[in-house]
Amino acid sequence: MSIALIFKIGAVGIIVSLLNQILKHSGRDDHAYLVSLAGLIIVLSWIIPYVYELFTSISKLFSVD
């Protein structure tokens, strides 16, 4: 995992939190919820390959073959 991924996740977090606050103050709570959900889905799509690689490494480590 590179440091660039951590910075991208941080940038998405900052953008989502700013949009969330703007939308909540303008009375659009449902849109704020959707923006938060979209940010979560984007970050999870970036992280899932690394989680898969982790589980593969752990299964290879504890294999009894």
PDB file of N, CA and C in Angstrom:
ATOM      1  N   MET A   1       0.853  -1.174   0.000  1.00  0.00           N
ATOM      2  CA  MET A   1       0.000   0.000   0.000  1.00  0.00           C
ATOM      3  C   MET A   1       0.897   1.234   0.000  1.00  0.00           C
ATOM      4  N   SER A   2       0.592   2.142  -0.870  1.00  0.00           N
ATOM      5  CA  SER A   2       1.418   3.328  -0.996  1.00  0.00           C
ATOM      6  C   SER A   2       0.835   4.476  -0.185  1.00  0.00           C
ATOM      7  N   ILE A   3       1.664   5.456   0.041  1.00  0.00           N
ATOM      8  CA  ILE A   3       1.244   6.630   0.793  1.00  0.00           C
ATOM      9  C   ILE A   3       0.244   7.459  -0.002  1.00  0.00           C
ATOM     10  N   ALA A   4       0.268   7.319  -1.334  1.00  0.00           N
ATOM     11  CA  ALA A   4      -0.672   8.058  -2.181  1.00  0.00           C
ATOM     12  C   ALA A   4      -2.111   7.638  -1.901  1.00  0.00           C
ATOM     13  N   LEU A   5      -2.320   6.352  -1.621  1.00  0.00           N
ATOM     14  CA  LEU A   5      -3.664   5.875  -1.300  1.00  0.00           C
ATOM     15  C   LEU A   5      -4.173   6.509  -0.008  1.00  0.00           C
ATOM     16  N   ILE A   6      -3.303   6.654   0.961  1.00  0.00           N
ATOM     17  CA  ILE A   6      -3.693   7.278   2.234  1.00  0.00           C
ATOM     18  C   ILE A   6      -4.056   8.737   2.012  1.00  0.00           C
ATOM     19  N   PHE A   7      -3.307   9.419   1.167  1.00  0.00           N
ATOM     20  CA  PHE A   7      -3.629  10.815   0.871  1.00  0.00           C
ATOM     21  C   PHE A   7      -4.939  10.934   0.094  1.00  0.00           C
ATOM     22  N   LYS A   8      -5.196   9.997  -0.818  1.00  0.00           N
ATOM     23  CA  LYS A   8      -6.453  10.032  -1.565  1.00  0.00           C
ATOM     24  C   LYS A   8      -7.645   9.801  -0.641  1.00  0.00           C
ATOM     25  N   ILE A   9      -7.495   8.878   0.310  1.00  0.00           N
ATOM     26  CA  ILE A   9      -8.569   8.616   1.263  1.00  0.00           C
ATOM     27  C   ILE A   9      -8.807   9.845   2.138  1.00  0.00           C
ATOM     28  N   GLY A  10      -7.732  10.489   2.559  1.00  0.00           N
ATOM     29  CA  GLY A  10      -7.870  11.719   3.338  1.00  0.00           C
ATOM     30  C   GLY A  10      -8.540  12.832   2.552  1.00  0.00           C
ATOM     31  N   ALA A  11      -8.196  12.952   1.276  1.00  0.00           N
ATOM     32  CA  ALA A  11      -8.807  13.987   0.440  1.00  0.00           C
ATOM     33  C   ALA A  11     -10.296  13.735   0.260  1.00  0.00           C
ATOM     34  N   VAL A  12     -10.659  12.480   0.043  1.00  0.00           N
ATOM     35  CA  VAL A  12     -12.083  12.154  -0.087  1.00  0.00           C
ATOM     36  C   VAL A  12     -12.811  12.441   1.221  1.00  0.00           C
ATOM     37  N   GLY A  13     -12.183  12.140   2.336  1.00  0.00           N
ATOM     38  CA  GLY A  13     -12.792  12.418   3.632  1.00  0.00           C
ATOM     39  C   GLY A  13     -13.032  13.903   3.855  1.00  0.00           C
ATOM     40  N   ILE A  14     -12.066  14.714   3.482  1.00  0.00           N
ATOM     41  CA  ILE A  14     -12.218  16.163   3.645  1.00  0.00           C
ATOM     42  C   ILE A  14     -13.306  16.697   2.730  1.00  0.00           C
ATOM     43  N   ILE A  15     -13.316  16.263   1.482  1.00  0.00           N
ATOM     44  CA  ILE A  15     -14.324  16.741   0.529  1.00  0.00           C
ATOM     45  C   ILE A  15     -15.723  16.308   0.956  1.00  0.00           C
ATOM     46  N   VAL A  16     -15.855  15.062   1.385  1.00  0.00           N
ATOM     47  CA  VAL A  16     -17.161  14.562   1.808  1.00  0.00           C
ATOM     48  C   VAL A  16     -17.643  15.298   3.049  1.00  0.00           C
ATOM     49  N   SER A  17     -16.751  15.565   3.990  1.00  0.00           N
ATOM     50  CA  SER A  17     -17.186  16.268   5.201  1.00  0.00           C
ATOM     51  C   SER A  17     -17.593  17.707   4.893  1.00  0.00           C
ATOM     52  N   LEU A  18     -16.883  18.379   3.991  1.00  0.00           N
ATOM     53  CA  LEU A  18     -17.269  19.739   3.609  1.00  0.00           C
ATOM     54  C   LEU A  18     -18.627  19.747   2.904  1.00  0.00           C
ATOM     55  N   LEU A  19     -18.802  18.850   1.946  1.00  0.00           N
ATOM     56  CA  LEU A  19     -20.084  18.773   1.254  1.00  0.00           C
ATOM     57  C   LEU A  19     -21.212  18.400   2.209  1.00  0.00           C
ATOM     58  N   ASN A  20     -20.914  17.521   3.134  1.00  0.00           N
ATOM     59  CA  ASN A  20     -21.912  17.101   4.117  1.00  0.00           C
ATOM     60  C   ASN A  20     -22.373  18.288   4.961  1.00  0.00           C
ATOM     61  N   GLN A  21     -21.436  19.098   5.442  1.00  0.00           N
ATOM     62  CA  GLN A  21     -21.797  20.260   6.255  1.00  0.00           C
ATOM     63  C   GLN A  21     -22.578  21.292   5.446  1.00  0.00           C
ATOM     64  N   ILE A  22     -22.160  21.513   4.204  1.00  0.00           N
ATOM     65  CA  ILE A  22     -22.861  22.484   3.357  1.00  0.00           C
ATOM     66  C   ILE A  22     -24.294  22.033   3.097  1.00  0.00           C
ATOM     67  N   LEU A  23     -24.454  20.752   2.780  1.00  0.00           N
ATOM     68  CA  LEU A  23     -25.791  20.246   2.487  1.00  0.00           C
ATOM     69  C   LEU A  23     -26.680  20.213   3.724  1.00  0.00           C
ATOM     70  N   LYS A  24     -26.119  19.897   4.885  1.00  0.00           N
ATOM     71  CA  LYS A  24     -26.927  19.878   6.108  1.00  0.00           C
ATOM     72  C   LYS A  24     -27.390  21.276   6.493  1.00  0.00           C
ATOM     73  N   HIS A  25     -26.527  22.264   6.318  1.00  0.00           N
ATOM     74  CA  HIS A  25     -26.914  23.627   6.672  1.00  0.00           C
ATOM     75  C   HIS A  25     -27.922  24.209   5.696  1.00  0.00           C
ATOM     76  N   SER A  26     -27.965  23.670   4.481  1.00  0.00           N
ATOM     77  CA  SER A  26     -28.950  24.163   3.520  1.00  0.00           C
ATOM     78  C   SER A  26     -30.255  23.372   3.593  1.00  0.00           C
ATOM     79  N   GLY A  27     -30.339  22.435   4.530  1.00  0.00           N
ATOM     80  CA  GLY A  27     -31.581  21.693   4.738  1.00  0.00           C
ATOM     81  C   GLY A  27     -31.754  20.477   3.856  1.00  0.00           C
ATOM     82  N   ARG A  28     -30.715  20.015   3.240  1.00  0.00           N
ATOM     83  CA  ARG A  28     -30.801  18.846   2.369  1.00  0.00           C
ATOM     84  C   ARG A  28     -30.098  17.663   3.034  1.00  0.00           C
ATOM     85  N   ASP A  29     -30.715  17.160   4.091  1.00  0.00           N
ATOM     86  CA  ASP A  29     -30.117  16.070   4.847  1.00  0.00           C
ATOM     87  C   ASP A  29     -30.054  14.775   4.039  1.00  0.00           C
ATOM     88  N   ASP A  30     -31.041  14.551   3.177  1.00  0.00           N
ATOM     89  CA  ASP A  30     -31.037  13.327   2.384  1.00  0.00           C
ATOM     90  C   ASP A  30     -29.895  13.319   1.368  1.00  0.00           C
ATOM     91  N   HIS A  31     -29.585  14.476   0.807  1.00  0.00           N
ATOM     92  CA  HIS A  31     -28.455  14.566  -0.122  1.00  0.00           C
ATOM     93  C   HIS A  31     -27.121  14.421   0.628  1.00  0.00           C
ATOM     94  N   ALA A  32     -27.055  14.950   1.844  1.00  0.00           N
ATOM     95  CA  ALA A  32     -25.842  14.810   2.652  1.00  0.00           C
ATOM     96  C   ALA A  32     -25.574  13.341   2.957  1.00  0.00           C
ATOM     97  N   TYR A  33     -26.637  12.606   3.242  1.00  0.00           N
ATOM     98  CA  TYR A  33     -26.495  11.173   3.501  1.00  0.00           C
ATOM     99  C   TYR A  33     -25.976  10.452   2.261  1.00  0.00           C
ATOM    100  N   LEU A  34     -26.507  10.801   1.092  1.00  0.00           N
ATOM    101  CA  LEU A  34     -26.074  10.150  -0.148  1.00  0.00           C
ATOM    102  C   LEU A  34     -24.623  10.479  -0.488  1.00  0.00           C
ATOM    103  N   VAL A  35     -24.193  11.708  -0.192  1.00  0.00           N
ATOM    104  CA  VAL A  35     -22.794  12.074  -0.431  1.00  0.00           C
ATOM    105  C   VAL A  35     -21.875  11.261   0.477  1.00  0.00           C
ATOM    106  N   SER A  36     -22.270  11.097   1.730  1.00  0.00           N
ATOM    107  CA  SER A  36     -21.476  10.288   2.656  1.00  0.00           C
ATOM    108  C   SER A  36     -21.403   8.840   2.205  1.00  0.00           C
ATOM    109  N   LEU A  37     -22.520   8.321   1.751  1.00  0.00           N
ATOM    110  CA  LEU A  37     -22.556   6.946   1.267  1.00  0.00           C
ATOM    111  C   LEU A  37     -21.692   6.767   0.025  1.00  0.00           C
ATOM    112  N   ALA A  38     -21.738   7.732  -0.882  1.00  0.00           N
ATOM    113  CA  ALA A  38     -20.916   7.666  -2.085  1.00  0.00           C
ATOM    114  C   ALA A  38     -19.429   7.714  -1.740  1.00  0.00           C
ATOM    115  N   GLY A  39     -19.042   8.563  -0.791  1.00  0.00           N
ATOM    116  CA  GLY A  39     -17.646   8.620  -0.360  1.00  0.00           C
ATOM    117  C   GLY A  39     -17.186   7.308   0.242  1.00  0.00           C
ATOM    118  N   LEU A  40     -18.050   6.688   1.036  1.00  0.00           N
ATOM    119  CA  LEU A  40     -17.715   5.392   1.628  1.00  0.00           C
ATOM    120  C   LEU A  40     -17.533   4.325   0.567  1.00  0.00           C
ATOM    121  N   ILE A  41     -18.393   4.308  -0.425  1.00  0.00           N
ATOM    122  CA  ILE A  41     -18.297   3.308  -1.496  1.00  0.00           C
ATOM    123  C   ILE A  41     -17.023   3.511  -2.313  1.00  0.00           C
ATOM    124  N   ILE A  42     -16.667   4.754  -2.579  1.00  0.00           N
ATOM    125  CA  ILE A  42     -15.439   5.033  -3.332  1.00  0.00           C
ATOM    126  C   ILE A  42     -14.212   4.533  -2.571  1.00  0.00           C
ATOM    127  N   VAL A  43     -14.147   4.847  -1.293  1.00  0.00           N
ATOM    128  CA  VAL A  43     -12.988   4.428  -0.490  1.00  0.00           C
ATOM    129  C   VAL A  43     -12.940   2.910  -0.355  1.00  0.00           C
ATOM    130  N   LEU A  44     -14.082   2.282  -0.165  1.00  0.00           N
ATOM    131  CA  LEU A  44     -14.090   0.824  -0.061  1.00  0.00           C
ATOM    132  C   LEU A  44     -13.658   0.162  -1.365  1.00  0.00           C
ATOM    133  N   SER A  45     -14.014   0.755  -2.492  1.00  0.00           N
ATOM    134  CA  SER A  45     -13.578   0.177  -3.762  1.00  0.00           C
ATOM    135  C   SER A  45     -12.067   0.277  -3.940  1.00  0.00           C
ATOM    136  N   TRP A  46     -11.439   1.262  -3.315  1.00  0.00           N
ATOM    137  CA  TRP A  46      -9.978   1.362  -3.362  1.00  0.00           C
ATOM    138  C   TRP A  46      -9.318   0.380  -2.405  1.00  0.00           C
ATOM    139  N   ILE A  47      -9.952   0.071  -1.287  1.00  0.00           N
ATOM    140  CA  ILE A  47      -9.324  -0.726  -0.234  1.00  0.00           C
ATOM    141  C   ILE A  47      -9.540  -2.224  -0.417  1.00  0.00           C
ATOM    142  N   ILE A  48     -10.614  -2.630  -1.078  1.00  0.00           N
ATOM    143  CA  ILE A  48     -10.947  -4.054  -1.189  1.00  0.00           C
ATOM    144  C   ILE A  48      -9.814  -4.900  -1.778  1.00  0.00           C
ATOM    145  N   PRO A  49      -9.087  -4.459  -2.817  1.00  0.00           N
ATOM    146  CA  PRO A  49      -7.982  -5.307  -3.306  1.00  0.00           C
ATOM    147  C   PRO A  49      -6.883  -5.541  -2.256  1.00  0.00           C
ATOM    148  N   TYR A  50      -6.632  -4.561  -1.423  1.00  0.00           N
ATOM    149  CA  TYR A  50      -5.619  -4.732  -0.389  1.00  0.00           C
ATOM    150  C   TYR A  50      -6.090  -5.690   0.705  1.00  0.00           C
ATOM    151  N   VAL A  51      -7.369  -5.656   1.034  1.00  0.00           N
ATOM    152  CA  VAL A  51      -7.920  -6.591   2.014  1.00  0.00           C
ATOM    153  C   VAL A  51      -7.880  -8.008   1.456  1.00  0.00           C
ATOM    154  N   TYR A  52      -8.198  -8.159   0.180  1.00  0.00           N
ATOM    155  CA  TYR A  52      -8.125  -9.475  -0.456  1.00  0.00           C
ATOM    156  C   TYR A  52      -6.697 -10.012  -0.432  1.00  0.00           C
ATOM    157  N   GLU A  53      -5.732  -9.151  -0.734  1.00  0.00           N
ATOM    158  CA  GLU A  53      -4.322  -9.557  -0.696  1.00  0.00           C
ATOM    159  C   GLU A  53      -3.896  -9.959   0.714  1.00  0.00           C
ATOM    160  N   LEU A  54      -4.394  -9.246   1.719  1.00  0.00           N
ATOM    161  CA  LEU A  54      -4.080  -9.582   3.111  1.00  0.00           C
ATOM    162  C   LEU A  54      -4.616 -10.958   3.469  1.00  0.00           C
ATOM    163  N   PHE A  55      -5.889 -11.234   3.131  1.00  0.00           N
ATOM    164  CA  PHE A  55      -6.461 -12.539   3.448  1.00  0.00           C
ATOM    165  C   PHE A  55      -5.778 -13.658   2.680  1.00  0.00           C
ATOM    166  N   THR A  56      -5.359 -13.407   1.458  1.00  0.00           N
ATOM    167  CA  THR A  56      -4.628 -14.407   0.692  1.00  0.00           C
ATOM    168  C   THR A  56      -3.283 -14.707   1.341  1.00  0.00           C
ATOM    169  N   SER A  57      -2.595 -13.678   1.791  1.00  0.00           N
ATOM    170  CA  SER A  57      -1.301 -13.878   2.454  1.00  0.00           C
ATOM    171  C   SER A  57      -1.469 -14.644   3.760  1.00  0.00           C
ATOM    172  N   ILE A  58      -2.509 -14.335   4.505  1.00  0.00           N
ATOM    173  CA  ILE A  58      -2.739 -15.027   5.776  1.00  0.00           C
ATOM    174  C   ILE A  58      -3.104 -16.486   5.526  1.00  0.00           C
ATOM    175  N   SER A  59      -3.908 -16.749   4.512  1.00  0.00           N
ATOM    176  CA  SER A  59      -4.264 -18.151   4.220  1.00  0.00           C
ATOM    177  C   SER A  59      -3.054 -18.943   3.753  1.00  0.00           C
ATOM    178  N   LYS A  60      -2.154 -18.322   3.000  1.00  0.00           N
ATOM    179  CA  LYS A  60      -0.924 -19.001   2.582  1.00  0.00           C
ATOM    180  C   LYS A  60      -0.011 -19.254   3.777  1.00  0.00           C
ATOM    181  N   LEU A  61      -0.014 -18.327   4.712  1.00  0.00           N
ATOM    182  CA  LEU A  61       0.835 -18.479   5.902  1.00  0.00           C
ATOM    183  C   LEU A  61       0.400 -19.648   6.762  1.00  0.00           C
ATOM    184  N   PHE A  62      -0.906 -19.830   6.910  1.00  0.00           N
ATOM    185  CA  PHE A  62      -1.426 -20.883   7.796  1.00  0.00           C
ATOM    186  C   PHE A  62      -1.883 -22.130   7.052  1.00  0.00           C
ATOM    187  N   SER A  63      -1.521 -22.263   5.782  1.00  0.00           N
ATOM    188  CA  SER A  63      -1.918 -23.467   5.055  1.00  0.00           C
ATOM    189  C   SER A  63      -1.124 -24.653   5.565  1.00  0.00           C
ATOM    190  N   VAL A  64      -1.752 -25.829   5.573  1.00  0.00           N
ATOM    191  CA  VAL A  64      -1.127 -27.037   6.112  1.00  0.00           C
ATOM    192  C   VAL A  64      -0.601 -27.943   5.019  1.00  0.00           C
ATOM    193  N   ASP A  65      -0.575 -27.483   3.793  1.00  0.00           N
ATOM    194  CA  ASP A  65      -0.084 -28.327   2.688  1.00  0.00           C
ATOM    195  C   ASP A  65       1.368 -28.562   2.761  1.00  0.00           C
TER     196      ASP A  65
END
